[in-house]
Amino acid sequence: MSGLETASTWIQLAGRVGEVTLLERTVNGQPGLVAELDGTGVSVYAFDISDNRITRIRVIRDREKLRPWTTN
């Protein structure tokens, strides 16, 4: 997903009813974030870090893959 696609996704999420919550989590052994909308995981972000800098961001939005991240 490109930066433009990611920004577009956040704009779409912001327009929905409900509040998006970002939770710091470890994702596949890497620092990450889980975005939840009303307690349901809507995306997971894993960060590759090198020399204290983010070198890659991996984004998961597939509903099937997000099931383990859903708190409701």
C-alpha atoms as a PDB file:
ATOM      1  CA  MET A   1       0.000   0.000   0.000  1.00  0.00           C
ATOM      2  CA  SER A   2       1.430   3.370  -0.971  1.00  0.00           C
ATOM      3  CA  GLY A   3       1.494   6.418   1.283  1.00  0.00           C
ATOM      4  CA  LEU A   4      -1.367   7.927  -0.730  1.00  0.00           C
ATOM      5  CA  GLU A   5      -3.483   4.784  -0.293  1.00  0.00           C
ATOM      6  CA  THR A   6      -2.749   4.785   3.442  1.00  0.00           C
ATOM      7  CA  ALA A   7      -3.771   8.440   3.742  1.00  0.00           C
ATOM      8  CA  SER A   8      -6.950   7.720   1.796  1.00  0.00           C
ATOM      9  CA  THR A   9      -7.759   4.841   4.139  1.00  0.00           C
ATOM     10  CA  TRP A  10      -7.373   7.101   7.198  1.00  0.00           C
ATOM     11  CA  ILE A  11      -9.643   9.728   5.617  1.00  0.00           C
ATOM     12  CA  GLN A  12     -12.294   7.053   5.042  1.00  0.00           C
ATOM     13  CA  LEU A  13     -11.967   5.818   8.630  1.00  0.00           C
ATOM     14  CA  ALA A  14     -12.222   9.350   9.997  1.00  0.00           C
ATOM     15  CA  GLY A  15     -15.529   9.828   8.170  1.00  0.00           C
ATOM     16  CA  ARG A  16     -17.186   6.798   9.774  1.00  0.00           C
ATOM     17  CA  VAL A  17     -19.378   6.913  12.838  1.00  0.00           C
ATOM     18  CA  GLY A  18     -17.334   5.964  15.878  1.00  0.00           C
ATOM     19  CA  GLU A  19     -13.899   6.731  17.156  1.00  0.00           C
ATOM     20  CA  VAL A  20     -10.704   5.148  15.872  1.00  0.00           C
ATOM     21  CA  THR A  21      -8.384   4.075  18.681  1.00  0.00           C
ATOM     22  CA  LEU A  22      -4.696   3.322  18.081  1.00  0.00           C
ATOM     23  CA  LEU A  23      -3.155   0.717  20.373  1.00  0.00           C
ATOM     24  CA  GLU A  24       0.573   0.041  20.616  1.00  0.00           C
ATOM     25  CA  ARG A  25       1.165  -3.675  20.105  1.00  0.00           C
ATOM     26  CA  THR A  26       3.912  -6.073  19.092  1.00  0.00           C
ATOM     27  CA  VAL A  27       3.080  -7.401  15.632  1.00  0.00           C
ATOM     28  CA  ASN A  28       5.027 -10.481  14.500  1.00  0.00           C
ATOM     29  CA  GLY A  29       7.819  -9.517  16.888  1.00  0.00           C
ATOM     30  CA  GLN A  30       8.005  -5.936  15.596  1.00  0.00           C
ATOM     31  CA  PRO A  31       6.704  -2.658  17.056  1.00  0.00           C
ATOM     32  CA  GLY A  32       3.248  -1.953  15.723  1.00  0.00           C
ATOM     33  CA  LEU A  33      -0.155  -0.369  16.035  1.00  0.00           C
ATOM     34  CA  VAL A  34      -3.666  -1.751  15.929  1.00  0.00           C
ATOM     35  CA  ALA A  35      -6.387   0.603  14.743  1.00  0.00           C
ATOM     36  CA  GLU A  36      -9.772  -0.194  16.270  1.00  0.00           C
ATOM     37  CA  LEU A  37     -13.162   1.229  15.388  1.00  0.00           C
ATOM     38  CA  ASP A  38     -15.687   0.619  18.151  1.00  0.00           C
ATOM     39  CA  GLY A  39     -13.566  -2.240  19.545  1.00  0.00           C
ATOM     40  CA  THR A  40     -13.089  -3.984  16.213  1.00  0.00           C
ATOM     41  CA  GLY A  41      -9.656  -4.182  14.601  1.00  0.00           C
ATOM     42  CA  VAL A  42      -9.800  -2.412  11.234  1.00  0.00           C
ATOM     43  CA  SER A  43      -6.088  -2.372  10.431  1.00  0.00           C
ATOM     44  CA  VAL A  44      -2.776  -3.525  11.873  1.00  0.00           C
ATOM     45  CA  TYR A  45       0.534  -1.775  11.228  1.00  0.00           C
ATOM     46  CA  ALA A  46       3.925  -3.452  11.739  1.00  0.00           C
ATOM     47  CA  PHE A  47       7.086  -1.344  11.609  1.00  0.00           C
ATOM     48  CA  ASP A  48      10.537  -2.512  10.505  1.00  0.00           C
ATOM     49  CA  ILE A  49      13.114  -0.482  12.422  1.00  0.00           C
ATOM     50  CA  SER A  50      16.795   0.048  11.553  1.00  0.00           C
ATOM     51  CA  ASP A  51      19.107   2.564  13.254  1.00  0.00           C
ATOM     52  CA  ASN A  52      16.141   3.923  15.245  1.00  0.00           C
ATOM     53  CA  ARG A  53      14.237   4.751  12.042  1.00  0.00           C
ATOM     54  CA  ILE A  54      11.185   3.198  10.465  1.00  0.00           C
ATOM     55  CA  THR A  55      12.316   1.561   7.228  1.00  0.00           C
ATOM     56  CA  ARG A  56       9.082  -0.202   6.265  1.00  0.00           C
ATOM     57  CA  ILE A  57       5.457  -0.190   7.337  1.00  0.00           C
ATOM     58  CA  ARG A  58       3.377  -3.299   6.688  1.00  0.00           C
ATOM     59  CA  VAL A  59      -0.391  -2.822   6.766  1.00  0.00           C
ATOM     60  CA  ILE A  60      -3.019  -5.537   7.160  1.00  0.00           C
ATOM     61  CA  ARG A  61      -6.641  -4.725   6.339  1.00  0.00           C
ATOM     62  CA  ASP A  62      -7.951  -8.178   5.358  1.00  0.00           C
ATOM     63  CA  ARG A  63     -10.899  -8.928   7.678  1.00  0.00           C
ATOM     64  CA  GLU A  64      -9.981 -12.605   8.000  1.00  0.00           C
ATOM     65  CA  LYS A  65      -6.418 -11.788   9.030  1.00  0.00           C
ATOM     66  CA  LEU A  66      -7.677  -9.153  11.495  1.00  0.00           C
ATOM     67  CA  ARG A  67      -9.840 -11.571  13.510  1.00  0.00           C
ATOM     68  CA  PRO A  68      -7.143 -12.202  16.162  1.00  0.00           C
ATOM     69  CA  TRP A  69      -6.889  -8.420  16.729  1.00  0.00           C
ATOM     70  CA  THR A  70     -10.601  -7.881  17.431  1.00  0.00           C
ATOM     71  CA  THR A  71     -11.424  -7.220  21.094  1.00  0.00           C
ATOM     72  CA  ASN A  72     -15.231  -7.472  20.805  1.00  0.00           C
END
